[in-house]
C-alpha cells in the first residue's frame, strides 16, 4: 500500500482498517464520491504508520483484526488519533459493538457510528454524507 509522506489535500482524509479487502473497497466506493481522500489497509500496523504521520478526520475500523485485538487498537487510537472521528465495524453482534463504543468513549475517542457486517450501505452513505457536509462549510 503506498504511503503518503507529504499529504496535502483539502478533502477530508479517511483511513479504513479492515482485514477484508472487499470491505475496504466497498467503503472506498461509498466515500470517494462524497469527497473523501481514502486509504484502506488490511493490516493494522500499516495503518498505524500512516496515522502517526497524518491523523485522518475519520477512521473506519474493524474490531476483529488478525494479530491485534480491538481493545489494543482503541488504546492506540486514543494515543495517536484522538481528534479523529471513529466508526466501528464488526461481524459480531450489536452488543459487542456497543461495548466497544463505550470503551472507546472512555478513552476519549469520538465514535460517531457502529456498523454490523454485512454493512448497511444506506447507513454508511448517510454517515459519510453527514461528515462530508462538515467539511464543505470549512
Protein backbone atom coordinates (compact mmCIF):
# COMPACT_ATOMS: atom_id res chain seq x y z
CA UNK A 1 0.00 0.00 0.00
CA UNK A 2 1.51 3.35 -0.98
CA UNK A 3 2.11 5.77 1.84
CA UNK A 4 1.63 9.49 1.54
CA UNK A 5 4.65 11.06 3.16
CA UNK A 6 3.67 14.62 2.25
CA UNK A 7 -0.11 14.52 2.34
CA UNK A 8 -1.65 17.79 1.15
CA UNK A 9 -5.34 17.79 0.39
CA UNK A 10 -8.38 19.91 1.10
CA UNK A 11 -10.51 16.77 1.18
CA UNK A 12 -11.35 15.05 4.44
CA UNK A 13 -8.98 12.14 4.96
CA UNK A 14 -10.44 8.69 5.74
CA UNK A 15 -8.46 5.68 6.89
CA UNK A 16 -10.10 2.25 6.67
CA UNK A 17 -8.71 -0.63 8.72
CA UNK A 18 -10.29 -3.97 7.84
CA UNK A 19 -8.64 -7.30 7.10
CA UNK A 20 -11.20 -7.97 4.37
CA UNK A 21 -10.03 -6.09 1.26
CA UNK A 22 -13.55 -6.28 -0.21
CA UNK A 23 -14.93 -4.32 2.75
CA UNK A 24 -12.24 -1.68 2.29
CA UNK A 25 -13.12 -1.46 -1.40
CA UNK A 26 -16.83 -1.12 -0.64
CA UNK A 27 -16.27 1.65 1.91
CA UNK A 28 -13.88 3.39 -0.51
CA UNK A 29 -16.53 3.21 -3.25
CA UNK A 30 -19.04 4.89 -0.93
CA UNK A 31 -16.65 7.52 0.50
CA UNK A 32 -14.80 8.67 -2.62
CA UNK A 33 -17.79 10.23 -4.45
CA UNK A 34 -18.60 12.05 -1.21
CA UNK A 35 -15.29 13.89 -1.39
CA UNK A 36 -13.07 11.79 0.88
CA UNK A 37 -9.41 11.10 0.28
CA UNK A 38 -9.25 7.41 1.25
CA UNK A 39 -6.54 4.97 2.25
CA UNK A 40 -7.56 1.40 3.08
CA UNK A 41 -5.41 -1.07 4.99
CA UNK A 42 -5.78 -4.79 5.62
CA UNK A 43 -3.16 -4.76 8.39
CA UNK A 44 -3.35 -2.58 11.48
CA UNK A 45 0.41 -1.99 11.72
CA UNK A 46 0.46 -0.47 8.21
CA UNK A 47 -2.42 1.82 9.09
CA UNK A 48 -0.75 2.86 12.33
CA UNK A 49 2.31 4.10 10.41
CA UNK A 50 0.09 6.47 8.42
CA UNK A 51 -1.98 7.52 11.46
CA UNK A 52 1.15 8.67 13.27
CA UNK A 53 2.16 10.96 10.40
CA UNK A 54 -1.24 12.04 9.08
CA UNK A 55 -4.12 11.69 11.53
CA UNK A 56 -7.31 11.47 9.48
CA UNK A 57 -10.60 13.21 10.07
CA UNK A 58 -12.31 9.81 10.01
CA UNK A 59 -11.30 6.22 10.77
CA UNK A 60 -13.45 3.22 9.92
CA UNK A 61 -12.11 0.27 11.87
CA UNK A 62 -12.99 -3.40 12.13
CA UNK A 63 -12.78 -4.62 15.71
CA UNK A 64 -11.64 -8.09 14.67
CA UNK A 65 -8.21 -7.83 13.09
CA UNK A 66 -5.60 -10.59 12.95
CA UNK A 67 -2.68 -10.15 15.32
CA UNK A 68 -4.27 -7.35 17.40
CA UNK A 69 -7.44 -7.14 19.42
CA UNK A 70 -9.98 -4.35 19.32
CA UNK A 71 -9.13 -3.10 22.82
CA UNK A 72 -5.46 -2.71 21.88
CA UNK A 73 -6.44 -0.87 18.70
CA UNK A 74 -8.67 1.53 20.63
CA UNK A 75 -5.84 2.26 23.08
CA UNK A 76 -3.53 3.01 20.17
CA UNK A 77 -6.07 5.37 18.58
CA UNK A 78 -6.55 7.14 21.91
CA UNK A 79 -2.82 7.93 21.89
CA UNK A 80 -2.33 8.76 18.20
CA UNK A 81 -5.64 9.79 16.63
CA UNK A 82 -7.80 11.19 19.40
CA UNK A 83 -9.15 14.02 17.25
CA UNK A 84 -10.34 11.66 14.50
CA UNK A 85 -13.97 10.63 14.27
CA UNK A 86 -14.37 6.88 14.53
CA UNK A 87 -16.75 4.34 13.00
CA UNK A 88 -16.54 0.83 14.36
CA UNK A 89 -17.48 -2.21 12.30
CA UNK A 90 -17.67 -5.86 13.19
CA UNK A 91 -19.20 -9.17 12.26
CA UNK A 92 -20.03 -9.53 15.96
CA UNK A 93 -23.43 -8.58 17.24
CA UNK A 94 -24.52 -5.11 18.27
CA UNK A 95 -23.81 -5.87 21.95
CA UNK A 96 -20.09 -6.22 21.20
CA UNK A 97 -20.14 -3.06 19.11
CA UNK A 98 -21.89 -1.08 21.83
CA UNK A 99 -19.40 -2.33 24.43
CA UNK A 100 -16.55 -1.24 22.16
CA UNK A 101 -18.26 2.14 21.70
CA UNK A 102 -18.40 2.64 25.47
CA UNK A 103 -14.75 1.62 25.85
CA UNK A 104 -13.69 3.97 23.05
CA UNK A 105 -15.63 6.83 24.65
CA UNK A 106 -13.94 6.08 27.99
CA UNK A 107 -10.62 6.54 26.16
CA UNK A 108 -11.80 9.92 24.85
CA UNK A 109 -12.49 8.76 21.29
CA UNK A 110 -15.37 10.20 19.26
CA UNK A 111 -17.35 7.21 17.98
CA UNK A 112 -19.92 8.56 15.56
CA UNK A 113 -21.32 5.25 14.28
CA UNK A 114 -21.19 1.49 14.63
CA UNK A 115 -21.90 -0.88 11.77
CA UNK A 116 -22.62 -4.59 11.85
CA UNK A 117 -21.41 -6.74 8.99
CA UNK A 118 -22.83 -7.15 6.47
CA UNK A 119 -22.74 -3.38 6.15
CA UNK A 120 -25.91 -1.36 5.68
CA UNK A 121 -24.90 0.62 2.60
CA UNK A 122 -27.63 3.23 3.14
CA UNK A 123 -26.49 3.91 6.72
CA UNK A 124 -22.89 4.11 5.53
CA UNK A 125 -23.80 6.64 2.81
CA UNK A 126 -25.81 8.72 5.26
CA UNK A 127 -22.96 8.77 7.77
CA UNK A 128 -20.41 9.83 5.14
CA UNK A 129 -22.80 12.46 3.74
CA UNK A 130 -23.15 13.98 7.22
CA UNK A 131 -19.40 14.07 7.78
CA UNK A 132 -18.69 15.47 4.30
CA UNK A 133 -21.14 18.34 4.99
CA UNK A 134 -18.98 19.39 7.95
CA UNK A 135 -16.03 19.96 5.61
CA UNK A 136 -17.92 21.81 2.89
CA UNK A 137 -18.60 24.61 5.32
CA UNK A 138 -14.96 24.85 6.46
